[in-house]
């Protein structure tokens, strides 16, 4: 898990953001589970999508006293991506004075712009945690831990192969690792190639290499796999042409 924490300060306001949604979602779930564990399943937890809630409602929820509990946890998703600058500025004004009984988490599935007033206020008075793209080393650790939890195994070299095979998409990597671990005690490169549909970009590179080597059998095999995966022939040919154009330019 790759992340960076800007600072911790004086209010119960948090921002979790970044391109590694796999790690950020796991971290958010950890917070929710910890909150339930401490305050009970009937704890005051509210989760809102910014598209479906207005500023007045958010402010009211923040100020509301918990019901039969010591704390309230309010999670607001994609506020930076959806709400206008005026809305962000209005909410930024109350960040410094969030009641002690309320915890507010802003969750963004992208990088939150650091030049916005709400981001600056959260960085100054709250806690900002950024989740950058998962590194290969972190991915290998996650893959091996996932396989082990399912009573399977995978060596670091093969785990790196799987990570690259799926273009570093950690959601796909995690689910494919769970799937493979369910029917084999040891995940190998052959098991991966026989049972995992490769990402489009990686498949196109593989197809381009096969065409360049005049390997008709391998070329047709990859092409057929892409078609079976629902890819458009026109899109496939476009990407092949693009790859060769890049190679020629180089």
C-alpha atoms as a PDB file:
ATOM      1  CA  UNK A   1       0.000   0.000   0.000  1.00  0.00           C
ATOM      2  CA  UNK A   2       1.501   3.273  -1.107  1.00  0.00           C
ATOM      3  CA  UNK A   3       0.341   6.371   0.725  1.00  0.00           C
ATOM      4  CA  UNK A   4       1.549   9.646   2.122  1.00  0.00           C
ATOM      5  CA  UNK A   5       0.215  11.568   5.096  1.00  0.00           C
ATOM      6  CA  UNK A   6       0.534  15.353   4.967  1.00  0.00           C
ATOM      7  CA  UNK A   7      -0.140  16.239   8.589  1.00  0.00           C
ATOM      8  CA  UNK A   8      -2.297  15.642  11.637  1.00  0.00           C
ATOM      9  CA  UNK A   9      -3.773  18.594  13.445  1.00  0.00           C
ATOM     10  CA  UNK A  10      -6.591  19.751  15.637  1.00  0.00           C
ATOM     11  CA  UNK A  11      -9.947  18.661  14.228  1.00  0.00           C
ATOM     12  CA  UNK A  12     -11.812  15.441  13.416  1.00  0.00           C
ATOM     13  CA  UNK A  13     -11.681  15.991   9.651  1.00  0.00           C
ATOM     14  CA  UNK A  14      -9.959  13.615   7.259  1.00  0.00           C
ATOM     15  CA  UNK A  15      -9.367  13.377   3.519  1.00  0.00           C
ATOM     16  CA  UNK A  16      -8.506  10.065   1.866  1.00  0.00           C
ATOM     17  CA  UNK A  17      -7.742  10.485  -1.826  1.00  0.00           C
ATOM     18  CA  UNK A  18      -5.612   9.183  -4.688  1.00  0.00           C
ATOM     19  CA  UNK A  19      -5.527   6.893  -7.704  1.00  0.00           C
ATOM     20  CA  UNK A  20      -4.998   3.710  -5.680  1.00  0.00           C
ATOM     21  CA  UNK A  21      -8.675   3.143  -4.899  1.00  0.00           C
ATOM     22  CA  UNK A  22      -7.976  -0.456  -3.891  1.00  0.00           C
ATOM     23  CA  UNK A  23      -5.859   0.640  -0.919  1.00  0.00           C
ATOM     24  CA  UNK A  24      -7.945   3.711  -0.071  1.00  0.00           C
ATOM     25  CA  UNK A  25     -11.168   1.668  -0.025  1.00  0.00           C
ATOM     26  CA  UNK A  26      -9.563  -0.931   2.235  1.00  0.00           C
ATOM     27  CA  UNK A  27      -8.410   1.863   4.545  1.00  0.00           C
ATOM     28  CA  UNK A  28     -11.884   3.407   4.602  1.00  0.00           C
ATOM     29  CA  UNK A  29     -13.415   0.014   5.408  1.00  0.00           C
ATOM     30  CA  UNK A  30     -10.896  -0.366   8.240  1.00  0.00           C
ATOM     31  CA  UNK A  31     -12.110   2.933   9.715  1.00  0.00           C
ATOM     32  CA  UNK A  32     -15.760   1.866   9.459  1.00  0.00           C
ATOM     33  CA  UNK A  33     -15.070  -1.536  11.029  1.00  0.00           C
ATOM     34  CA  UNK A  34     -13.046   0.055  13.837  1.00  0.00           C
ATOM     35  CA  UNK A  35     -15.844   2.542  14.487  1.00  0.00           C
ATOM     36  CA  UNK A  36     -18.445  -0.256  14.683  1.00  0.00           C
ATOM     37  CA  UNK A  37     -16.161  -2.292  16.921  1.00  0.00           C
ATOM     38  CA  UNK A  38     -15.750   0.561  19.373  1.00  0.00           C
ATOM     39  CA  UNK A  39     -19.266   2.000  19.362  1.00  0.00           C
ATOM     40  CA  UNK A  40     -21.409  -0.955  18.250  1.00  0.00           C
ATOM     41  CA  UNK A  41     -23.261  -1.913  15.074  1.00  0.00           C
ATOM     42  CA  UNK A  42     -25.953   0.641  15.841  1.00  0.00           C
ATOM     43  CA  UNK A  43     -23.415   3.452  15.988  1.00  0.00           C
ATOM     44  CA  UNK A  44     -24.110   6.780  14.325  1.00  0.00           C
ATOM     45  CA  UNK A  45     -22.533   6.273  10.912  1.00  0.00           C
ATOM     46  CA  UNK A  46     -23.748   8.123   7.834  1.00  0.00           C
ATOM     47  CA  UNK A  47     -22.365   7.673   4.338  1.00  0.00           C
ATOM     48  CA  UNK A  48     -23.217  10.140   1.573  1.00  0.00           C
ATOM     49  CA  UNK A  49     -22.458  10.479  -2.105  1.00  0.00           C
ATOM     50  CA  UNK A  50     -21.820  14.173  -2.795  1.00  0.00           C
ATOM     51  CA  UNK A  51     -24.203  14.032  -5.771  1.00  0.00           C
ATOM     52  CA  UNK A  52     -27.101  13.148  -3.489  1.00  0.00           C
ATOM     53  CA  UNK A  53     -26.631  15.563  -0.597  1.00  0.00           C
ATOM     54  CA  UNK A  54     -26.558  19.354  -0.305  1.00  0.00           C
ATOM     55  CA  UNK A  55     -24.369  21.614   1.815  1.00  0.00           C
ATOM     56  CA  UNK A  56     -27.163  22.470   4.233  1.00  0.00           C
ATOM     57  CA  UNK A  57     -27.774  18.792   4.971  1.00  0.00           C
ATOM     58  CA  UNK A  58     -24.055  18.095   5.444  1.00  0.00           C
ATOM     59  CA  UNK A  59     -23.665  20.983   7.897  1.00  0.00           C
ATOM     60  CA  UNK A  60     -26.737  19.840   9.819  1.00  0.00           C
ATOM     61  CA  UNK A  61     -25.384  16.291  10.093  1.00  0.00           C
ATOM     62  CA  UNK A  62     -21.999  17.526  11.293  1.00  0.00           C
ATOM     63  CA  UNK A  63     -23.558  19.620  14.066  1.00  0.00           C
ATOM     64  CA  UNK A  64     -26.094  16.979  15.148  1.00  0.00           C
ATOM     65  CA  UNK A  65     -25.540  15.280  18.505  1.00  0.00           C
ATOM     66  CA  UNK A  66     -24.999  11.479  18.378  1.00  0.00           C
ATOM     67  CA  UNK A  67     -28.001   9.339  19.297  1.00  0.00           C
ATOM     68  CA  UNK A  68     -27.297   6.874  22.142  1.00  0.00           C
ATOM     69  CA  UNK A  69     -23.598   6.966  21.286  1.00  0.00           C
ATOM     70  CA  UNK A  70     -20.492   9.042  21.986  1.00  0.00           C
ATOM     71  CA  UNK A  71     -19.477   9.674  18.384  1.00  0.00           C
ATOM     72  CA  UNK A  72     -20.844  10.201  14.879  1.00  0.00           C
ATOM     73  CA  UNK A  73     -18.954   9.202  11.747  1.00  0.00           C
ATOM     74  CA  UNK A  74     -19.882  10.989   8.532  1.00  0.00           C
ATOM     75  CA  UNK A  75     -18.371   9.840   5.232  1.00  0.00           C
ATOM     76  CA  UNK A  76     -18.744  12.090   2.178  1.00  0.00           C
ATOM     77  CA  UNK A  77     -17.686  10.602  -1.146  1.00  0.00           C
ATOM     78  CA  UNK A  78     -16.360  12.536  -4.166  1.00  0.00           C
ATOM     79  CA  UNK A  79     -17.181  15.969  -2.777  1.00  0.00           C
ATOM     80  CA  UNK A  80     -14.204  17.537  -4.571  1.00  0.00           C
ATOM     81  CA  UNK A  81     -15.238  15.989  -7.882  1.00  0.00           C
ATOM     82  CA  UNK A  82     -18.896  16.976  -7.728  1.00  0.00           C
ATOM     83  CA  UNK A  83     -19.481  20.131  -5.731  1.00  0.00           C
ATOM     84  CA  UNK A  84     -18.864  23.642  -7.038  1.00  0.00           C
ATOM     85  CA  UNK A  85     -16.199  25.967  -5.679  1.00  0.00           C
ATOM     86  CA  UNK A  86     -18.744  27.986  -3.686  1.00  0.00           C
ATOM     87  CA  UNK A  87     -19.981  24.821  -1.958  1.00  0.00           C
ATOM     88  CA  UNK A  88     -16.432  23.787  -1.120  1.00  0.00           C
ATOM     89  CA  UNK A  89     -15.627  27.226   0.233  1.00  0.00           C
ATOM     90  CA  UNK A  90     -18.762  27.172   2.402  1.00  0.00           C
ATOM     91  CA  UNK A  91     -17.901  23.778   3.859  1.00  0.00           C
ATOM     92  CA  UNK A  92     -14.268  24.765   4.372  1.00  0.00           C
ATOM     93  CA  UNK A  93     -15.421  27.470   6.788  1.00  0.00           C
ATOM     94  CA  UNK A  94     -16.665  24.914   9.330  1.00  0.00           C
ATOM     95  CA  UNK A  95     -13.743  22.437   9.081  1.00  0.00           C
ATOM     96  CA  UNK A  96     -11.829  24.172  11.856  1.00  0.00           C
ATOM     97  CA  UNK A  97     -14.785  23.945  14.261  1.00  0.00           C
ATOM     98  CA  UNK A  98     -16.164  20.440  13.828  1.00  0.00           C
ATOM     99  CA  UNK A  99     -17.715  19.296  17.150  1.00  0.00           C
ATOM    100  CA  UNK A 100     -15.680  16.818  19.185  1.00  0.00           C
ATOM    101  CA  UNK A 101     -18.436  14.229  18.885  1.00  0.00           C
ATOM    102  CA  UNK A 102     -18.318  14.202  15.051  1.00  0.00           C
ATOM    103  CA  UNK A 103     -15.748  12.637  12.732  1.00  0.00           C
ATOM    104  CA  UNK A 104     -15.903  13.662   9.069  1.00  0.00           C
ATOM    105  CA  UNK A 105     -14.131  11.701   6.317  1.00  0.00           C
ATOM    106  CA  UNK A 106     -13.952  12.991   2.763  1.00  0.00           C
ATOM    107  CA  UNK A 107     -13.269  10.119   0.370  1.00  0.00           C
ATOM    108  CA  UNK A 108     -12.120  10.807  -3.190  1.00  0.00           C
ATOM    109  CA  UNK A 109     -11.600   8.143  -5.862  1.00  0.00           C
ATOM    110  CA  UNK A 110      -9.163  10.490  -7.621  1.00  0.00           C
ATOM    111  CA  UNK A 111      -6.482  12.940  -6.564  1.00  0.00           C
ATOM    112  CA  UNK A 112      -8.067  15.916  -4.842  1.00  0.00           C
ATOM    113  CA  UNK A 113      -6.808  19.248  -6.269  1.00  0.00           C
ATOM    114  CA  UNK A 114      -4.405  20.716  -3.747  1.00  0.00           C
ATOM    115  CA  UNK A 115      -5.068  24.313  -4.804  1.00  0.00           C
ATOM    116  CA  UNK A 116      -8.689  24.283  -3.608  1.00  0.00           C
ATOM    117  CA  UNK A 117      -9.590  26.069  -0.399  1.00  0.00           C
ATOM    118  CA  UNK A 118     -11.239  22.962   1.089  1.00  0.00           C
ATOM    119  CA  UNK A 119      -8.092  20.883   0.541  1.00  0.00           C
ATOM    120  CA  UNK A 120      -5.919  23.578   2.119  1.00  0.00           C
ATOM    121  CA  UNK A 121      -8.240  23.822   5.120  1.00  0.00           C
ATOM    122  CA  UNK A 122      -8.230  20.032   5.595  1.00  0.00           C
ATOM    123  CA  UNK A 123      -4.442  19.931   5.315  1.00  0.00           C
ATOM    124  CA  UNK A 124      -4.133  22.703   7.904  1.00  0.00           C
ATOM    125  CA  UNK A 125      -6.689  21.634  10.485  1.00  0.00           C
ATOM    126  CA  UNK A 126      -7.309  17.953   9.710  1.00  0.00           C
ATOM    127  CA  UNK A 127      -5.526  14.940   8.269  1.00  0.00           C
ATOM    128  CA  UNK A 128      -4.867  14.318   4.580  1.00  0.00           C
ATOM    129  CA  UNK A 129      -3.834  10.870   3.380  1.00  0.00           C
ATOM    130  CA  UNK A 130      -2.947  10.353  -0.274  1.00  0.00           C
ATOM    131  CA  UNK A 131      -2.921   6.909  -1.886  1.00  0.00           C
ATOM    132  CA  UNK A 132      -0.516   6.872  -4.810  1.00  0.00           C
ATOM    133  CA  UNK A 133      -0.326   4.117  -7.412  1.00  0.00           C
ATOM    134  CA  UNK A 134       0.590   0.773  -5.872  1.00  0.00           C
ATOM    135  CA  UNK A 135       4.261  -0.062  -6.334  1.00  0.00           C
ATOM    136  CA  UNK A 136       5.272  -3.500  -7.652  1.00  0.00           C
ATOM    137  CA  UNK A 137       6.846  -4.342  -4.276  1.00  0.00           C
ATOM    138  CA  UNK A 138       3.634  -3.501  -2.388  1.00  0.00           C
ATOM    139  CA  UNK A 139       1.580  -5.382  -4.978  1.00  0.00           C
ATOM    140  CA  UNK A 140       3.689  -8.526  -4.533  1.00  0.00           C
ATOM    141  CA  UNK A 141       3.115  -8.390  -0.780  1.00  0.00           C
ATOM    142  CA  UNK A 142      -0.658  -8.018  -1.212  1.00  0.00           C
ATOM    143  CA  UNK A 143      -0.790 -10.849  -3.777  1.00  0.00           C
ATOM    144  CA  UNK A 144       1.180 -13.246  -1.592  1.00  0.00           C
ATOM    145  CA  UNK A 145      -0.870 -12.398   1.515  1.00  0.00           C
ATOM    146  CA  UNK A 146      -4.113 -12.894  -0.441  1.00  0.00           C
ATOM    147  CA  UNK A 147      -2.969 -16.278  -1.765  1.00  0.00           C
ATOM    148  CA  UNK A 148      -1.794 -17.383   1.693  1.00  0.00           C
ATOM    149  CA  UNK A 149      -5.168 -16.452   3.211  1.00  0.00           C
ATOM    150  CA  UNK A 150      -6.767 -18.851   0.710  1.00  0.00           C
ATOM    151  CA  UNK A 151      -4.286 -21.660   1.517  1.00  0.00           C
ATOM    152  CA  UNK A 152      -2.387 -21.172  -1.719  1.00  0.00           C
ATOM    153  CA  UNK A 153       1.041 -19.786  -2.589  1.00  0.00           C
ATOM    154  CA  UNK A 154       2.778 -17.686  -5.236  1.00  0.00           C
ATOM    155  CA  UNK A 155       6.442 -16.704  -5.439  1.00  0.00           C
ATOM    156  CA  UNK A 156       7.501 -13.084  -5.791  1.00  0.00           C
ATOM    157  CA  UNK A 157       8.539 -13.416  -9.441  1.00  0.00           C
ATOM    158  CA  UNK A 158       5.153 -14.854 -10.420  1.00  0.00           C
ATOM    159  CA  UNK A 159       3.331 -12.240  -8.323  1.00  0.00           C
ATOM    160  CA  UNK A 160       5.205  -9.515 -10.218  1.00  0.00           C
ATOM    161  CA  UNK A 161       4.217 -11.225 -13.478  1.00  0.00           C
ATOM    162  CA  UNK A 162       0.530 -11.185 -12.442  1.00  0.00           C
ATOM    163  CA  UNK A 163       0.741  -7.508 -11.464  1.00  0.00           C
ATOM    164  CA  UNK A 164       2.206  -6.600 -14.856  1.00  0.00           C
ATOM    165  CA  UNK A 165      -0.098  -9.019 -16.700  1.00  0.00           C
ATOM    166  CA  UNK A 166      -3.087  -7.000 -15.450  1.00  0.00           C
ATOM    167  CA  UNK A 167      -1.491  -3.580 -16.000  1.00  0.00           C
ATOM    168  CA  UNK A 168      -1.234  -2.876 -12.281  1.00  0.00           C
ATOM    169  CA  UNK A 169      -5.009  -2.760 -11.760  1.00  0.00           C
ATOM    170  CA  UNK A 170      -5.094  -3.835  -8.116  1.00  0.00           C
ATOM    171  CA  UNK A 171      -8.823  -4.588  -8.074  1.00  0.00           C
ATOM    172  CA  UNK A 172      -8.347  -7.085 -10.915  1.00  0.00           C
ATOM    173  CA  UNK A 173      -5.127  -8.386  -9.362  1.00  0.00           C
ATOM    174  CA  UNK A 174      -6.826  -9.024  -6.016  1.00  0.00           C
ATOM    175  CA  UNK A 175      -9.885 -10.749  -7.488  1.00  0.00           C
ATOM    176  CA  UNK A 176      -7.839 -12.891  -9.880  1.00  0.00           C
ATOM    177  CA  UNK A 177      -5.517 -13.929  -7.041  1.00  0.00           C
ATOM    178  CA  UNK A 178      -8.534 -15.016  -4.975  1.00  0.00           C
ATOM    179  CA  UNK A 179      -9.974 -16.881  -7.962  1.00  0.00           C
ATOM    180  CA  UNK A 180      -6.749 -18.728  -8.759  1.00  0.00           C
ATOM    181  CA  UNK A 181      -6.139 -19.555  -5.101  1.00  0.00           C
ATOM    182  CA  UNK A 182      -9.525 -21.254  -4.933  1.00  0.00           C
ATOM    183  CA  UNK A 183      -8.534 -24.089  -7.269  1.00  0.00           C
ATOM    184  CA  UNK A 184      -4.745 -24.427  -7.029  1.00  0.00           C
ATOM    185  CA  UNK A 185      -2.269 -24.779  -4.176  1.00  0.00           C
ATOM    186  CA  UNK A 186       0.425 -22.949  -6.154  1.00  0.00           C
ATOM    187  CA  UNK A 187      -0.099 -20.136  -8.638  1.00  0.00           C
ATOM    188  CA  UNK A 188       2.360 -20.307 -11.530  1.00  0.00           C
ATOM    189  CA  UNK A 189       2.786 -18.278 -14.712  1.00  0.00           C
ATOM    190  CA  UNK A 190       1.206 -21.123 -16.704  1.00  0.00           C
ATOM    191  CA  UNK A 191      -1.821 -21.108 -14.402  1.00  0.00           C
ATOM    192  CA  UNK A 192      -2.136 -17.347 -14.868  1.00  0.00           C
ATOM    193  CA  UNK A 193      -1.844 -17.459 -18.674  1.00  0.00           C
ATOM    194  CA  UNK A 194      -4.370 -20.306 -18.910  1.00  0.00           C
ATOM    195  CA  UNK A 195      -6.999 -18.803 -16.614  1.00  0.00           C
ATOM    196  CA  UNK A 196      -6.632 -15.018 -16.514  1.00  0.00           C
ATOM    197  CA  UNK A 197      -7.732 -12.691 -19.297  1.00  0.00           C
ATOM    198  CA  UNK A 198      -4.914 -10.247 -19.840  1.00  0.00           C
ATOM    199  CA  UNK A 199      -5.588  -6.503 -19.835  1.00  0.00           C
ATOM    200  CA  UNK A 200      -6.144  -4.915 -23.247  1.00  0.00           C
ATOM    201  CA  UNK A 201      -2.934  -2.866 -23.248  1.00  0.00           C
ATOM    202  CA  UNK A 202      -0.755  -5.811 -22.234  1.00  0.00           C
ATOM    203  CA  UNK A 203      -2.475  -8.072 -24.770  1.00  0.00           C
ATOM    204  CA  UNK A 204      -1.893  -5.557 -27.550  1.00  0.00           C
ATOM    205  CA  UNK A 205       1.819  -5.380 -26.721  1.00  0.00           C
ATOM    206  CA  UNK A 206       1.954  -9.171 -26.785  1.00  0.00           C
ATOM    207  CA  UNK A 207       0.076  -9.233 -30.101  1.00  0.00           C
ATOM    208  CA  UNK A 208       2.357  -6.580 -31.593  1.00  0.00           C
ATOM    209  CA  UNK A 209       5.439  -8.588 -30.589  1.00  0.00           C
ATOM    210  CA  UNK A 210       3.994 -11.736 -32.168  1.00  0.00           C
ATOM    211  CA  UNK A 211       3.169  -9.907 -35.402  1.00  0.00           C
ATOM    212  CA  UNK A 212       6.639  -8.373 -35.493  1.00  0.00           C
ATOM    213  CA  UNK A 213       8.137 -11.842 -35.072  1.00  0.00           C
ATOM    214  CA  UNK A 214       5.836 -13.161 -37.856  1.00  0.00           C
ATOM    215  CA  UNK A 215       4.444 -15.706 -35.394  1.00  0.00           C
ATOM    216  CA  UNK A 216       1.019 -16.348 -36.934  1.00  0.00           C
ATOM    217  CA  UNK A 217      -0.020 -18.962 -34.360  1.00  0.00           C
ATOM    218  CA  UNK A 218       0.622 -16.718 -31.336  1.00  0.00           C
ATOM    219  CA  UNK A 219      -0.845 -13.678 -33.097  1.00  0.00           C
ATOM    220  CA  UNK A 220      -4.124 -15.436 -33.865  1.00  0.00           C
ATOM    221  CA  UNK A 221      -4.278 -16.916 -30.347  1.00  0.00           C
ATOM    222  CA  UNK A 222      -4.014 -13.492 -28.695  1.00  0.00           C
ATOM    223  CA  UNK A 223      -6.399 -11.947 -31.238  1.00  0.00           C
ATOM    224  CA  UNK A 224      -8.996 -14.654 -30.598  1.00  0.00           C
ATOM    225  CA  UNK A 225      -8.670 -14.167 -26.819  1.00  0.00           C
ATOM    226  CA  UNK A 226      -9.326 -10.433 -27.219  1.00  0.00           C
ATOM    227  CA  UNK A 227     -12.393 -11.089 -29.356  1.00  0.00           C
ATOM    228  CA  UNK A 228     -13.728 -13.613 -26.849  1.00  0.00           C
ATOM    229  CA  UNK A 229     -13.256 -10.968 -24.157  1.00  0.00           C
ATOM    230  CA  UNK A 230     -15.598  -8.655 -26.048  1.00  0.00           C
ATOM    231  CA  UNK A 231     -13.024  -6.301 -27.550  1.00  0.00           C
ATOM    232  CA  UNK A 232     -13.934  -4.592 -30.833  1.00  0.00           C
ATOM    233  CA  UNK A 233     -11.859  -5.697 -33.889  1.00  0.00           C
ATOM    234  CA  UNK A 234     -11.659  -2.056 -34.995  1.00  0.00           C
ATOM    235  CA  UNK A 235     -10.297  -1.035 -31.580  1.00  0.00           C
ATOM    236  CA  UNK A 236      -7.762  -3.888 -31.676  1.00  0.00           C
ATOM    237  CA  UNK A 237      -6.496  -2.897 -35.145  1.00  0.00           C
ATOM    238  CA  UNK A 238      -6.343   0.762 -34.103  1.00  0.00           C
ATOM    239  CA  UNK A 239      -4.154  -0.080 -31.092  1.00  0.00           C
ATOM    240  CA  UNK A 240      -1.914  -2.365 -33.169  1.00  0.00           C
ATOM    241  CA  UNK A 241      -1.382   0.461 -35.654  1.00  0.00           C
ATOM    242  CA  UNK A 242      -0.720   2.875 -32.781  1.00  0.00           C
ATOM    243  CA  UNK A 243       1.917   0.592 -31.265  1.00  0.00           C
ATOM    244  CA  UNK A 244       3.731   0.180 -34.595  1.00  0.00           C
ATOM    245  CA  UNK A 245       3.582   3.928 -35.170  1.00  0.00           C
ATOM    246  CA  UNK A 246       5.230   4.503 -31.774  1.00  0.00           C
ATOM    247  CA  UNK A 247       7.900   1.907 -32.565  1.00  0.00           C
ATOM    248  CA  UNK A 248       8.626   3.581 -35.925  1.00  0.00           C
ATOM    249  CA  UNK A 249       8.897   6.989 -34.240  1.00  0.00           C
ATOM    250  CA  UNK A 250      11.345   5.580 -31.693  1.00  0.00           C
END
